Amino acid sequence: MNTTRAFRPARRIPADRLALMRAKSAAAAQAREDAYQQSLAPVEEFAAAPRLSMLPGGLHWSAQRPVPAVGTQVDVYQSGRRDVVKVLGYCHAAGFLGLVTEPYHPGSTRSRKMHPRARCVFGSQLVQAA
C-alpha cells in the first residue's frame, strides 16, 4: 500500500543567500529600533514636532480655547498686527506649548524670510474669539 505524503521535504537555503537574508533582517530591525529611540528622544525648544505626543509632558497651554489641530488656520497677533496663519506642528519653550505656523496668504507670490523662532506662536498670541 502506497502512502501519500502530506508535506514536502524541506529544501536547504544556500549559505550565501541565508547570510544575505539575515543581514537584511538585522538592518531592518536596527532601523526600527533607531526610529523608536528617535520618537522617545525629547524635542529641543522651538523645534517643530508633528504630534503633541512627541513633546515632553507637563506643558502649559496659555489660551482659553483648545489647542488647534495641525493644518487648521488661526488668527494671531504677531509683530503688532493681526495675521492668519496655518498650523504646521507644535513646539515648546520654557514650559509652554506653542504652535509652529506659516503665514497664510493665498495667491500671494511674495514671501518674507522669517527666523525659525518667529514661526512659533503661543496661546497668548491667538486672537480671542468674540
Protein backbone atom coordinates (compact mmCIF):
# COMPACT_ATOMS: atom_id res chain seq x y z
CA MET A 1 0.00 0.00 0.00
CA ASN A 2 1.39 3.34 -1.06
CA THR A 3 1.03 6.27 1.30
CA THR A 4 0.95 9.81 0.07
CA ARG A 5 2.95 12.43 1.83
CA ALA A 6 1.01 15.44 3.13
CA PHE A 7 4.09 17.65 3.18
CA ARG A 8 7.08 18.16 1.01
CA PRO A 9 10.60 17.74 2.35
CA ALA A 10 12.37 20.94 3.37
CA ARG A 11 14.78 22.49 0.91
CA ARG A 12 18.01 23.94 2.13
CA ILE A 13 18.71 27.62 1.58
CA PRO A 14 22.17 28.26 0.14
CA ALA A 15 24.57 29.72 2.72
CA ASP A 16 25.23 32.95 0.81
CA ARG A 17 21.51 33.60 0.36
CA LEU A 18 20.85 32.81 4.04
CA ALA A 19 23.58 35.26 5.10
CA LEU A 20 22.05 37.95 2.87
CA MET A 21 18.57 37.34 4.34
CA ARG A 22 19.91 37.54 7.89
CA ALA A 23 21.82 40.77 7.17
CA LYS A 24 18.74 42.34 5.60
CA SER A 25 16.61 41.33 8.58
CA ALA A 26 19.17 42.71 11.05
CA ALA A 27 19.33 46.03 9.16
CA ALA A 28 15.53 46.33 9.20
CA ALA A 29 15.44 45.57 12.94
CA GLN A 30 18.12 48.21 13.59
CA ALA A 31 16.18 50.79 11.53
CA ARG A 32 13.03 50.06 13.55
CA GLU A 33 14.95 50.42 16.81
CA ASP A 34 16.52 53.71 15.67
CA ALA A 35 13.11 55.10 14.70
CA TYR A 36 11.68 54.06 18.07
CA GLN A 37 14.55 55.64 20.00
CA GLN A 38 14.20 58.84 17.98
CA SER A 39 10.49 59.02 18.86
CA LEU A 40 11.43 58.77 22.55
CA ALA A 41 14.13 61.45 22.38
CA PRO A 42 13.00 64.83 23.75
CA VAL A 43 12.38 67.56 21.23
CA GLU A 44 14.53 70.68 21.65
CA GLU A 45 12.93 74.02 22.45
CA PHE A 46 11.45 75.80 19.42
CA ALA A 47 11.95 72.65 17.28
CA ALA A 48 8.90 71.54 15.30
CA ALA A 49 7.12 68.33 16.30
CA PRO A 50 4.32 66.96 14.10
CA ARG A 51 2.42 65.42 17.05
CA LEU A 52 1.73 66.52 20.60
CA SER A 53 2.83 63.11 21.86
CA MET A 54 6.40 63.87 20.77
CA LEU A 55 6.66 66.79 23.21
CA PRO A 56 7.52 66.43 26.90
CA GLY A 57 4.64 66.23 29.36
CA GLY A 58 3.50 68.97 31.72
CA LEU A 59 3.46 71.82 29.18
CA HIS A 60 1.07 74.74 29.79
CA TRP A 61 -1.26 75.99 27.03
CA SER A 62 -1.82 79.71 27.65
CA ALA A 63 -5.10 80.16 25.76
CA GLN A 64 -8.70 79.65 26.85
CA ARG A 65 -9.68 77.65 23.79
CA PRO A 66 -8.37 74.16 22.95
CA VAL A 67 -5.10 73.53 21.12
CA PRO A 68 -5.72 73.76 17.34
CA ALA A 69 -5.01 70.73 15.17
CA VAL A 70 -2.26 70.61 12.56
CA GLY A 71 -3.46 72.01 9.24
CA THR A 72 -6.02 74.45 10.67
CA GLN A 73 -5.91 78.20 10.18
CA VAL A 74 -5.91 80.53 13.18
CA ASP A 75 -5.81 84.30 13.71
CA VAL A 76 -2.82 85.56 15.69
CA TYR A 77 -1.28 88.85 16.77
CA GLN A 78 2.28 88.78 15.52
CA SER A 79 4.62 91.78 15.41
CA GLY A 80 1.80 94.11 16.41
CA ARG A 81 -0.56 93.11 13.61
CA ARG A 82 -3.30 90.57 13.13
CA ASP A 83 -2.44 87.76 10.74
CA VAL A 84 -3.92 84.48 9.52
CA VAL A 85 -1.53 81.55 9.87
CA LYS A 86 -1.64 77.83 9.18
CA VAL A 87 -0.59 75.41 11.94
CA LEU A 88 2.27 73.15 10.76
CA GLY A 89 3.17 71.49 14.06
CA TYR A 90 3.87 72.05 17.73
CA CYS A 91 6.83 73.35 19.74
CA HIS A 92 7.65 74.18 23.35
CA ALA A 93 9.71 76.72 25.26
CA ALA A 94 10.08 77.49 28.98
CA GLY A 95 7.30 75.05 29.90
CA PHE A 96 4.73 76.46 27.46
CA LEU A 97 3.18 74.73 24.46
CA GLY A 98 3.39 76.63 21.18
CA LEU A 99 2.37 76.28 17.55
CA VAL A 100 4.73 76.20 14.57
CA THR A 101 2.97 78.30 11.96
CA GLU A 102 3.28 79.56 8.42
CA PRO A 103 1.68 82.79 7.16
CA TYR A 104 -1.37 82.02 5.03
CA HIS A 105 -1.73 84.35 2.07
CA PRO A 106 -3.37 82.54 -0.86
CA GLY A 107 -2.39 83.86 -4.25
CA SER A 108 0.45 85.96 -2.87
CA THR A 109 3.77 85.43 -4.59
CA ARG A 110 5.82 87.44 -2.14
CA SER A 111 7.31 85.60 0.75
CA ARG A 112 9.38 87.04 3.52
CA LYS A 113 12.20 85.31 5.25
CA MET A 114 11.49 84.51 8.87
CA HIS A 115 13.68 83.22 11.65
CA PRO A 116 12.53 79.71 12.70
CA ARG A 117 11.69 81.00 16.19
CA ALA A 118 9.48 83.70 14.69
CA ARG A 119 7.22 80.96 13.35
CA CYS A 120 6.44 79.78 16.90
CA VAL A 121 3.21 81.23 18.27
CA PHE A 122 1.97 80.66 21.81
CA GLY A 123 -1.58 80.58 23.12
CA SER A 124 -1.49 84.14 24.45
CA GLN A 125 -0.88 85.42 20.89
CA LEU A 126 -4.05 83.85 19.47
CA VAL A 127 -6.90 86.24 18.69
CA GLN A 128 -9.69 85.73 21.21
CA ALA A 129 -12.98 84.60 19.68
CA ALA A 130 -15.75 87.16 20.11
